Amino acid sequence: MTIVGKRKSDIIALLFSFFLLVSMSSVVFAQEKNWVEVADFSQNRSFFGNTNSFTIEHSEWRIKWEYEKTLGDLTAFMFEVRVAETNQLIGIWNNSGKIDITQGIFNITGYDGEFYLWIGTNGNHTVIVEQNLNSLPEFSSLLIVSMLLVVPLAVIILKKKLTN
């Protein structure tokens, strides 16, 4: 095989890897229809404490939250996401310094199992936990993307060593 032929096959392998990487965008960025509600911790009153535990079976999930500013800038809202068995903190959000933000989405990836929230607020609030049904619990997006980059490079290196 000539040098031009070797380079051509290397370029084809790299282009193939690039197209595989681009095709992953549909997995990484889930469509709205793929999300299902797991738990709803909404209340029309103040609340400071732990929620009931809930089970996440997929690696991509989120917390959609909203609160009402009943006391103006003195309205407090925060939540912590914790592993039920170990109480390990895996995420936190609070309105400290963000008093104009009264709703949002807190994304979590790479965790599945039993969890609970600690919610602290002196007003009405909506907190809904959802999971993406198209995400797999055993694979994170980062692992898949890494494999798409590493495997073709390893093939190219091995091919060059075997042909020399």
C-alpha atoms as a PDB file:
ATOM      1  CA  MET A   1       0.000   0.000   0.000  1.00  0.00           C
ATOM      2  CA  THR A   2       1.354   3.411  -0.906  1.00  0.00           C
ATOM      3  CA  ILE A   3       1.668   6.365   1.466  1.00  0.00           C
ATOM      4  CA  VAL A   4      -1.315   8.035  -0.232  1.00  0.00           C
ATOM      5  CA  GLY A   5      -3.438   4.920   0.363  1.00  0.00           C
ATOM      6  CA  LYS A   6      -2.459   4.826   4.071  1.00  0.00           C
ATOM      7  CA  ARG A   7      -3.346   8.485   4.543  1.00  0.00           C
ATOM      8  CA  LYS A   8      -6.632   8.027   2.748  1.00  0.00           C
ATOM      9  CA  SER A   9      -7.663   5.190   5.088  1.00  0.00           C
ATOM     10  CA  ASP A  10      -6.600   7.271   8.126  1.00  0.00           C
ATOM     11  CA  ILE A  11      -8.694  10.201   6.931  1.00  0.00           C
ATOM     12  CA  ILE A  12     -11.694   7.921   6.331  1.00  0.00           C
ATOM     13  CA  ALA A  13     -11.353   6.484   9.864  1.00  0.00           C
ATOM     14  CA  LEU A  14     -11.202   9.986  11.384  1.00  0.00           C
ATOM     15  CA  LEU A  15     -14.210  11.165   9.356  1.00  0.00           C
ATOM     16  CA  PHE A  16     -16.155   8.089  10.458  1.00  0.00           C
ATOM     17  CA  SER A  17     -15.297   8.896  14.095  1.00  0.00           C
ATOM     18  CA  PHE A  18     -16.423  12.493  13.603  1.00  0.00           C
ATOM     19  CA  PHE A  19     -19.785  11.422  12.148  1.00  0.00           C
ATOM     20  CA  LEU A  20     -20.321   8.995  15.029  1.00  0.00           C
ATOM     21  CA  LEU A  21     -19.602  11.795  17.482  1.00  0.00           C
ATOM     22  CA  VAL A  22     -22.037  14.149  15.749  1.00  0.00           C
ATOM     23  CA  SER A  23     -24.742  11.475  15.736  1.00  0.00           C
ATOM     24  CA  MET A  24     -24.463  11.240  19.543  1.00  0.00           C
ATOM     25  CA  SER A  25     -26.086  14.673  19.923  1.00  0.00           C
ATOM     26  CA  SER A  26     -29.522  13.027  19.830  1.00  0.00           C
ATOM     27  CA  VAL A  27     -28.585  10.950  22.897  1.00  0.00           C
ATOM     28  CA  VAL A  28     -26.914  13.742  24.848  1.00  0.00           C
ATOM     29  CA  PHE A  29     -29.672  16.288  24.281  1.00  0.00           C
ATOM     30  CA  ALA A  30     -32.901  14.441  25.029  1.00  0.00           C
ATOM     31  CA  GLN A  31     -36.186  15.563  23.578  1.00  0.00           C
ATOM     32  CA  GLU A  32     -38.904  16.789  25.919  1.00  0.00           C
ATOM     33  CA  LYS A  33     -41.115  13.762  25.208  1.00  0.00           C
ATOM     34  CA  ASN A  34     -38.481  11.446  26.720  1.00  0.00           C
ATOM     35  CA  TRP A  35     -38.872  12.946  30.216  1.00  0.00           C
ATOM     36  CA  VAL A  36     -41.266  11.381  32.735  1.00  0.00           C
ATOM     37  CA  GLU A  37     -42.194  12.564  36.208  1.00  0.00           C
ATOM     38  CA  VAL A  38     -40.757  10.575  39.100  1.00  0.00           C
ATOM     39  CA  ALA A  39     -41.868  12.704  42.069  1.00  0.00           C
ATOM     40  CA  ASP A  40     -43.712  15.940  42.826  1.00  0.00           C
ATOM     41  CA  PHE A  41     -42.891  17.817  46.042  1.00  0.00           C
ATOM     42  CA  SER A  42     -44.990  20.940  45.411  1.00  0.00           C
ATOM     43  CA  GLN A  43     -46.647  22.732  48.346  1.00  0.00           C
ATOM     44  CA  ASN A  44     -48.594  25.919  48.927  1.00  0.00           C
ATOM     45  CA  ARG A  45     -46.795  26.730  52.161  1.00  0.00           C
ATOM     46  CA  SER A  46     -43.379  27.070  53.737  1.00  0.00           C
ATOM     47  CA  PHE A  47     -41.326  23.907  54.050  1.00  0.00           C
ATOM     48  CA  PHE A  48     -37.972  23.114  55.656  1.00  0.00           C
ATOM     49  CA  GLY A  49     -37.015  19.449  55.655  1.00  0.00           C
ATOM     50  CA  ASN A  50     -36.474  16.186  53.808  1.00  0.00           C
ATOM     51  CA  THR A  51     -38.815  14.861  51.152  1.00  0.00           C
ATOM     52  CA  ASN A  52     -39.781  11.238  50.743  1.00  0.00           C
ATOM     53  CA  SER A  53     -37.188   9.226  48.860  1.00  0.00           C
ATOM     54  CA  PHE A  54     -37.598   8.522  45.153  1.00  0.00           C
ATOM     55  CA  THR A  55     -35.995   6.072  42.739  1.00  0.00           C
ATOM     56  CA  ILE A  56     -34.091   7.109  39.629  1.00  0.00           C
ATOM     57  CA  GLU A  57     -33.543   4.318  37.105  1.00  0.00           C
ATOM     58  CA  HIS A  58     -31.791   6.296  34.349  1.00  0.00           C
ATOM     59  CA  SER A  59     -28.514   8.207  34.288  1.00  0.00           C
ATOM     60  CA  GLU A  60     -29.983  11.525  33.141  1.00  0.00           C
ATOM     61  CA  TRP A  61     -32.533  13.287  35.332  1.00  0.00           C
ATOM     62  CA  ARG A  62     -33.545  16.770  36.404  1.00  0.00           C
ATOM     63  CA  ILE A  63     -35.350  18.818  38.971  1.00  0.00           C
ATOM     64  CA  LYS A  64     -37.782  21.411  37.645  1.00  0.00           C
ATOM     65  CA  TRP A  65     -38.412  24.027  40.308  1.00  0.00           C
ATOM     66  CA  GLU A  66     -40.323  27.229  40.802  1.00  0.00           C
ATOM     67  CA  TYR A  67     -41.154  29.338  43.818  1.00  0.00           C
ATOM     68  CA  GLU A  68     -43.346  32.322  44.548  1.00  0.00           C
ATOM     69  CA  LYS A  69     -41.779  35.462  46.007  1.00  0.00           C
ATOM     70  CA  THR A  70     -44.265  35.915  48.858  1.00  0.00           C
ATOM     71  CA  LEU A  71     -41.917  38.056  50.972  1.00  0.00           C
ATOM     72  CA  GLY A  72     -40.210  39.984  48.171  1.00  0.00           C
ATOM     73  CA  ASP A  73     -36.416  39.806  48.357  1.00  0.00           C
ATOM     74  CA  LEU A  74     -36.643  38.003  51.718  1.00  0.00           C
ATOM     75  CA  THR A  75     -38.178  34.898  50.135  1.00  0.00           C
ATOM     76  CA  ALA A  76     -35.792  31.997  50.579  1.00  0.00           C
ATOM     77  CA  PHE A  77     -35.629  28.939  48.334  1.00  0.00           C
ATOM     78  CA  MET A  78     -33.047  26.191  48.228  1.00  0.00           C
ATOM     79  CA  PHE A  79     -32.739  22.458  47.804  1.00  0.00           C
ATOM     80  CA  GLU A  80     -30.098  19.797  48.209  1.00  0.00           C
ATOM     81  CA  VAL A  81     -30.031  16.485  46.336  1.00  0.00           C
ATOM     82  CA  ARG A  82     -28.786  13.590  48.475  1.00  0.00           C
ATOM     83  CA  VAL A  83     -28.241   9.840  48.102  1.00  0.00           C
ATOM     84  CA  ALA A  84     -30.797   8.134  50.357  1.00  0.00           C
ATOM     85  CA  GLU A  85     -28.524   5.420  51.785  1.00  0.00           C
ATOM     86  CA  THR A  86     -25.394   7.498  52.509  1.00  0.00           C
ATOM     87  CA  ASN A  87     -26.754  11.092  52.676  1.00  0.00           C
ATOM     88  CA  GLN A  88     -24.030  12.037  50.159  1.00  0.00           C
ATOM     89  CA  LEU A  89     -24.646  15.490  48.689  1.00  0.00           C
ATOM     90  CA  ILE A  90     -24.673  15.367  44.866  1.00  0.00           C
ATOM     91  CA  GLY A  91     -26.218  18.752  44.073  1.00  0.00           C
ATOM     92  CA  ILE A  92     -27.399  22.005  45.589  1.00  0.00           C
ATOM     93  CA  TRP A  93     -29.250  25.116  44.438  1.00  0.00           C
ATOM     94  CA  ASN A  94     -30.223  28.235  46.361  1.00  0.00           C
ATOM     95  CA  ASN A  95     -31.469  31.703  45.529  1.00  0.00           C
ATOM     96  CA  SER A  96     -28.734  33.460  47.482  1.00  0.00           C
ATOM     97  CA  GLY A  97     -27.727  36.366  45.261  1.00  0.00           C
ATOM     98  CA  LYS A  98     -30.193  35.230  42.581  1.00  0.00           C
ATOM     99  CA  ILE A  99     -33.424  36.725  43.927  1.00  0.00           C
ATOM    100  CA  ASP A 100     -34.777  37.518  40.450  1.00  0.00           C
ATOM    101  CA  ILE A 101     -34.575  33.857  39.337  1.00  0.00           C
ATOM    102  CA  THR A 102     -37.765  32.161  40.495  1.00  0.00           C
ATOM    103  CA  GLN A 103     -37.787  29.065  38.285  1.00  0.00           C
ATOM    104  CA  GLY A 104     -35.351  26.754  36.580  1.00  0.00           C
ATOM    105  CA  ILE A 105     -34.120  23.279  35.794  1.00  0.00           C
ATOM    106  CA  PHE A 106     -31.329  21.561  37.719  1.00  0.00           C
ATOM    107  CA  ASN A 107     -29.785  18.764  35.587  1.00  0.00           C
ATOM    108  CA  ILE A 108     -28.093  15.684  37.057  1.00  0.00           C
ATOM    109  CA  THR A 109     -26.223  13.003  35.088  1.00  0.00           C
ATOM    110  CA  GLY A 110     -24.359   9.862  35.986  1.00  0.00           C
ATOM    111  CA  TYR A 111     -26.340   8.894  39.100  1.00  0.00           C
ATOM    112  CA  ASP A 112     -29.128   6.381  39.570  1.00  0.00           C
ATOM    113  CA  GLY A 113     -30.664   4.800  42.680  1.00  0.00           C
ATOM    114  CA  GLU A 114     -32.559   6.115  45.721  1.00  0.00           C
ATOM    115  CA  PHE A 115     -32.440   9.848  46.488  1.00  0.00           C
ATOM    116  CA  TYR A 116     -34.217  12.474  48.536  1.00  0.00           C
ATOM    117  CA  LEU A 117     -34.294  16.268  48.575  1.00  0.00           C
ATOM    118  CA  TRP A 118     -33.873  18.658  51.441  1.00  0.00           C
ATOM    119  CA  ILE A 119     -36.017  21.679  50.590  1.00  0.00           C
ATOM    120  CA  GLY A 120     -35.981  24.983  52.435  1.00  0.00           C
ATOM    121  CA  THR A 121     -38.409  27.752  51.535  1.00  0.00           C
ATOM    122  CA  ASN A 122     -40.663  30.232  53.259  1.00  0.00           C
ATOM    123  CA  GLY A 123     -43.200  30.297  50.450  1.00  0.00           C
ATOM    124  CA  ASN A 124     -45.190  28.385  47.865  1.00  0.00           C
ATOM    125  CA  HIS A 125     -43.069  26.156  45.649  1.00  0.00           C
ATOM    126  CA  THR A 126     -43.160  23.548  42.904  1.00  0.00           C
ATOM    127  CA  VAL A 127     -40.438  20.903  42.764  1.00  0.00           C
ATOM    128  CA  ILE A 128     -40.794  18.095  40.222  1.00  0.00           C
ATOM    129  CA  VAL A 129     -38.223  15.339  39.632  1.00  0.00           C
ATOM    130  CA  GLU A 130     -38.106  13.871  36.114  1.00  0.00           C
ATOM    131  CA  GLN A 131     -35.910  11.288  34.397  1.00  0.00           C
ATOM    132  CA  ASN A 132     -34.983  10.782  30.753  1.00  0.00           C
ATOM    133  CA  LEU A 133     -36.220   7.363  29.640  1.00  0.00           C
ATOM    134  CA  ASN A 134     -33.722   7.247  26.759  1.00  0.00           C
ATOM    135  CA  SER A 135     -30.657   7.498  28.986  1.00  0.00           C
ATOM    136  CA  LEU A 136     -28.981   4.323  30.184  1.00  0.00           C
ATOM    137  CA  PRO A 137     -28.079   3.877  33.855  1.00  0.00           C
ATOM    138  CA  GLU A 138     -24.819   2.081  33.172  1.00  0.00           C
ATOM    139  CA  PHE A 139     -23.341   4.472  30.574  1.00  0.00           C
ATOM    140  CA  SER A 140     -22.746   8.174  30.902  1.00  0.00           C
ATOM    141  CA  SER A 141     -22.574  10.412  27.824  1.00  0.00           C
ATOM    142  CA  LEU A 142     -18.961  11.252  28.621  1.00  0.00           C
ATOM    143  CA  LEU A 143     -17.975   7.568  28.519  1.00  0.00           C
ATOM    144  CA  ILE A 144     -19.617   7.033  25.131  1.00  0.00           C
ATOM    145  CA  VAL A 145     -18.011  10.127  23.604  1.00  0.00           C
ATOM    146  CA  SER A 146     -14.619   9.100  24.995  1.00  0.00           C
ATOM    147  CA  MET A 147     -14.960   5.642  23.464  1.00  0.00           C
ATOM    148  CA  LEU A 148     -15.851   7.144  20.091  1.00  0.00           C
ATOM    149  CA  LEU A 149     -12.614   9.104  20.165  1.00  0.00           C
ATOM    150  CA  VAL A 150     -10.284   6.478  21.626  1.00  0.00           C
ATOM    151  CA  VAL A 151     -11.309   3.352  19.694  1.00  0.00           C
ATOM    152  CA  PRO A 152     -10.703   4.729  16.172  1.00  0.00           C
ATOM    153  CA  LEU A 153      -7.350   6.178  17.233  1.00  0.00           C
ATOM    154  CA  ALA A 154      -6.322   2.826  18.687  1.00  0.00           C
ATOM    155  CA  VAL A 155      -7.325   1.104  15.431  1.00  0.00           C
ATOM    156  CA  ILE A 156      -5.242   3.556  13.397  1.00  0.00           C
ATOM    157  CA  ILE A 157      -2.192   3.098  15.629  1.00  0.00           C
ATOM    158  CA  LEU A 158      -2.454  -0.717  15.557  1.00  0.00           C
ATOM    159  CA  LYS A 159      -2.933  -0.713  11.810  1.00  0.00           C
ATOM    160  CA  LYS A 160       0.198   1.383  11.311  1.00  0.00           C
ATOM    161  CA  LYS A 161       2.238  -0.888  13.587  1.00  0.00           C
ATOM    162  CA  LEU A 162       1.059  -4.041  11.819  1.00  0.00           C
ATOM    163  CA  THR A 163       1.760  -2.677   8.320  1.00  0.00           C
ATOM    164  CA  ASN A 164       5.323  -1.544   9.172  1.00  0.00           C
END
